[in-house]
Amino acid sequence: MASNAIEWTRHRARLNHDVLCNMVLVELAAARPGRELPRLSQWLDGIGDYRALFRATTAALDAGLLLDRPLFACWTAEMRQVFKPVFRELYLRDHQVRECAGRLLALLAECEVAARAALAEDADSAALQRAEILLRELSNGIAQLPDPMADFGLRA
């Protein structure tokens, strides 16, 4: 399960920082009506990766992993097994993980519509600006998700 959290964190960083921040948002910030937006078009082609990331969020942010840390080695295996779902649920509730993932999925749908509008032949400055604003909001939302690497003391 720790490998799931580590892989999810890497995937999140790639999608948010490498793709969204460093490519798509840079392109949109400099965009002008009538110009091609190849990075935005590529982003739309990979939108399923974002859906998969958001759907995997609750599984990746499983605080039950904490019970596998040396700190809990003094607990019996049975005791750790009993408390794993409790740790998981408390973390998910405390960080509102399900709600955040749901909001990001809804925002992703808005971003998809705005990106398609920005790619339309008749797209104006307002369409480009709307896409940029929504995609920036999506990026900020992704960045605000909890970090299992830091929270659970995991190492890659």
Protein backbone atom coordinates (compact mmCIF):
# COMPACT_ATOMS: atom_id res chain seq x y z
CA MET A 1 0.00 0.00 0.00
CA ALA A 2 2.91 2.39 0.66
CA SER A 3 3.98 1.98 -2.97
CA ASN A 4 0.48 3.10 -3.98
CA ALA A 5 0.88 6.33 -1.97
CA ILE A 6 4.37 6.94 -3.36
CA GLU A 7 3.25 6.31 -6.94
CA TRP A 8 0.16 8.50 -6.46
CA THR A 9 2.39 11.33 -5.17
CA ARG A 10 4.71 11.04 -8.17
CA HIS A 11 1.77 10.95 -10.56
CA ARG A 12 0.23 14.00 -8.89
CA ALA A 13 3.50 15.95 -9.17
CA ARG A 14 3.91 15.05 -12.83
CA LEU A 15 0.35 15.99 -13.77
CA ASN A 16 0.23 19.17 -11.74
CA HIS A 17 3.73 20.62 -11.89
CA ASP A 18 5.26 19.16 -15.04
CA VAL A 19 2.16 19.25 -17.25
CA LEU A 20 -0.36 21.72 -15.87
CA CYS A 21 1.87 24.42 -14.32
CA ASN A 22 4.97 24.26 -16.49
CA MET A 23 3.33 23.63 -19.84
CA VAL A 24 -0.40 24.34 -20.10
CA LEU A 25 -0.70 27.37 -17.84
CA VAL A 26 2.41 28.95 -19.34
CA GLU A 27 0.94 28.48 -22.81
CA LEU A 28 -2.41 29.94 -21.77
CA ALA A 29 -0.81 32.95 -20.08
CA ALA A 30 0.79 33.89 -23.41
CA ALA A 31 -2.13 32.82 -25.62
CA ARG A 32 -3.82 35.09 -28.10
CA PRO A 33 -7.06 34.43 -30.00
CA GLY A 34 -6.50 32.63 -33.28
CA ARG A 35 -3.22 30.99 -32.25
CA GLU A 36 -2.81 27.27 -31.81
CA LEU A 37 -2.61 25.81 -28.31
CA PRO A 38 -0.91 22.43 -28.73
CA ARG A 39 -0.22 21.93 -25.02
CA LEU A 40 -3.83 22.60 -24.08
CA SER A 41 -4.92 20.16 -26.77
CA GLN A 42 -2.52 17.53 -25.39
CA TRP A 43 -3.83 18.21 -21.89
CA LEU A 44 -7.36 17.42 -23.09
CA ASP A 45 -6.11 14.15 -24.58
CA GLY A 46 -4.72 13.17 -21.15
CA ILE A 47 -7.68 14.30 -19.04
CA GLY A 48 -8.39 10.68 -18.09
CA ASP A 49 -5.13 10.67 -16.12
CA TYR A 50 -6.51 13.44 -13.91
CA ARG A 51 -9.77 11.55 -13.37
CA ALA A 52 -7.80 8.46 -12.40
CA LEU A 53 -5.66 10.49 -10.00
CA PHE A 54 -8.68 11.98 -8.25
CA ARG A 55 -10.47 8.63 -8.06
CA ALA A 56 -7.39 7.03 -6.49
CA THR A 57 -6.97 9.79 -3.90
CA THR A 58 -8.77 8.14 -0.98
CA ALA A 59 -6.91 4.86 -1.45
CA ALA A 60 -3.55 6.63 -1.74
CA LEU A 61 -4.17 8.73 1.35
CA ASP A 62 -4.58 5.75 3.67
CA ALA A 63 -3.29 6.75 7.10
CA GLY A 64 -3.46 3.11 8.11
CA LEU A 65 0.05 3.02 6.63
CA LEU A 66 1.23 4.76 9.77
CA LEU A 67 0.68 1.54 11.71
CA ASP A 68 3.36 -0.14 9.60
CA ARG A 69 5.94 2.36 10.87
CA PRO A 70 8.47 1.30 13.54
CA LEU A 71 6.69 3.46 16.13
CA PHE A 72 3.85 0.93 16.18
CA ALA A 73 6.04 -2.20 16.18
CA CYS A 74 5.19 -2.68 19.85
CA TRP A 75 1.52 -3.18 18.94
CA THR A 76 0.38 -6.69 18.11
CA ALA A 77 -0.44 -7.46 14.50
CA GLU A 78 -4.07 -7.93 15.52
CA MET A 79 -4.18 -4.55 17.23
CA ARG A 80 -2.65 -2.83 14.19
CA GLN A 81 -5.19 -4.55 11.94
CA VAL A 82 -8.09 -3.36 14.10
CA PHE A 83 -6.89 0.24 14.14
CA LYS A 84 -5.86 0.59 10.47
CA PRO A 85 -9.39 1.43 9.28
CA VAL A 86 -9.83 3.83 12.22
CA PHE A 87 -6.64 5.74 11.34
CA ARG A 88 -7.65 5.76 7.68
CA GLU A 89 -11.15 7.08 8.31
CA LEU A 90 -10.03 9.74 10.80
CA TYR A 91 -7.43 11.04 8.35
CA LEU A 92 -9.87 11.08 5.44
CA ARG A 93 -12.44 12.96 7.52
CA ASP A 94 -9.98 15.36 9.13
CA HIS A 95 -8.50 16.35 5.75
CA GLN A 96 -11.87 16.18 3.93
CA VAL A 97 -10.21 14.00 1.31
CA ARG A 98 -13.40 12.62 -0.24
CA GLU A 99 -14.90 16.09 -0.52
CA CYS A 100 -11.72 17.51 -2.07
CA ALA A 101 -11.51 14.69 -4.60
CA GLY A 102 -15.18 15.20 -5.49
CA ARG A 103 -14.68 18.95 -5.95
CA LEU A 104 -11.64 18.33 -8.13
CA LEU A 105 -13.58 15.91 -10.32
CA ALA A 106 -16.35 18.50 -10.76
CA LEU A 107 -13.80 21.24 -11.46
CA LEU A 108 -12.07 18.97 -13.96
CA ALA A 109 -15.34 18.72 -15.90
CA GLU A 110 -15.58 22.53 -15.95
CA CYS A 111 -11.97 22.74 -17.09
CA GLU A 112 -12.66 20.32 -19.92
CA VAL A 113 -15.55 22.46 -21.19
CA ALA A 114 -13.49 25.65 -20.88
CA ALA A 115 -10.48 24.08 -22.62
CA ARG A 116 -12.63 22.94 -25.54
CA ALA A 117 -14.08 26.45 -25.79
CA ALA A 118 -10.56 27.93 -25.77
CA LEU A 119 -9.54 25.58 -28.58
CA ALA A 120 -12.53 26.47 -30.76
CA GLU A 121 -11.79 28.42 -33.93
CA ASP A 122 -13.92 31.32 -32.73
CA ALA A 123 -12.36 31.46 -29.24
CA ASP A 124 -11.90 34.97 -27.95
CA SER A 125 -9.79 36.41 -25.14
CA ALA A 126 -12.57 35.73 -22.62
CA ALA A 127 -12.58 32.01 -23.49
CA LEU A 128 -8.81 31.82 -23.11
CA GLN A 129 -8.95 33.67 -19.81
CA ARG A 130 -11.73 31.42 -18.46
CA ALA A 131 -9.73 28.31 -19.32
CA GLU A 132 -6.64 29.74 -17.66
CA ILE A 133 -8.54 30.72 -14.50
CA LEU A 134 -10.20 27.32 -14.15
CA LEU A 135 -7.03 25.37 -14.89
CA ARG A 136 -5.13 27.48 -12.35
CA GLU A 137 -7.87 26.73 -9.80
CA LEU A 138 -7.51 23.02 -10.62
CA SER A 139 -3.75 23.21 -10.17
CA ASN A 140 -4.14 24.95 -6.81
CA GLY A 141 -6.66 22.32 -5.71
CA ILE A 142 -4.28 19.51 -6.64
CA ALA A 143 -1.45 21.22 -4.77
CA GLN A 144 -3.62 21.51 -1.65
CA LEU A 145 -4.30 17.78 -1.43
CA PRO A 146 -2.52 16.17 1.53
CA ASP A 147 0.95 14.76 0.96
CA PRO A 148 1.18 11.10 2.00
CA MET A 149 4.97 11.13 1.69
CA ALA A 150 5.27 13.80 4.37
CA ASP A 151 2.25 12.84 6.46
CA PHE A 152 3.06 9.13 6.63
CA GLY A 153 6.86 9.38 6.68
CA LEU A 154 7.25 7.43 3.44
CA ARG A 155 10.40 7.33 1.34
CA ALA A 156 10.54 6.77 -2.38
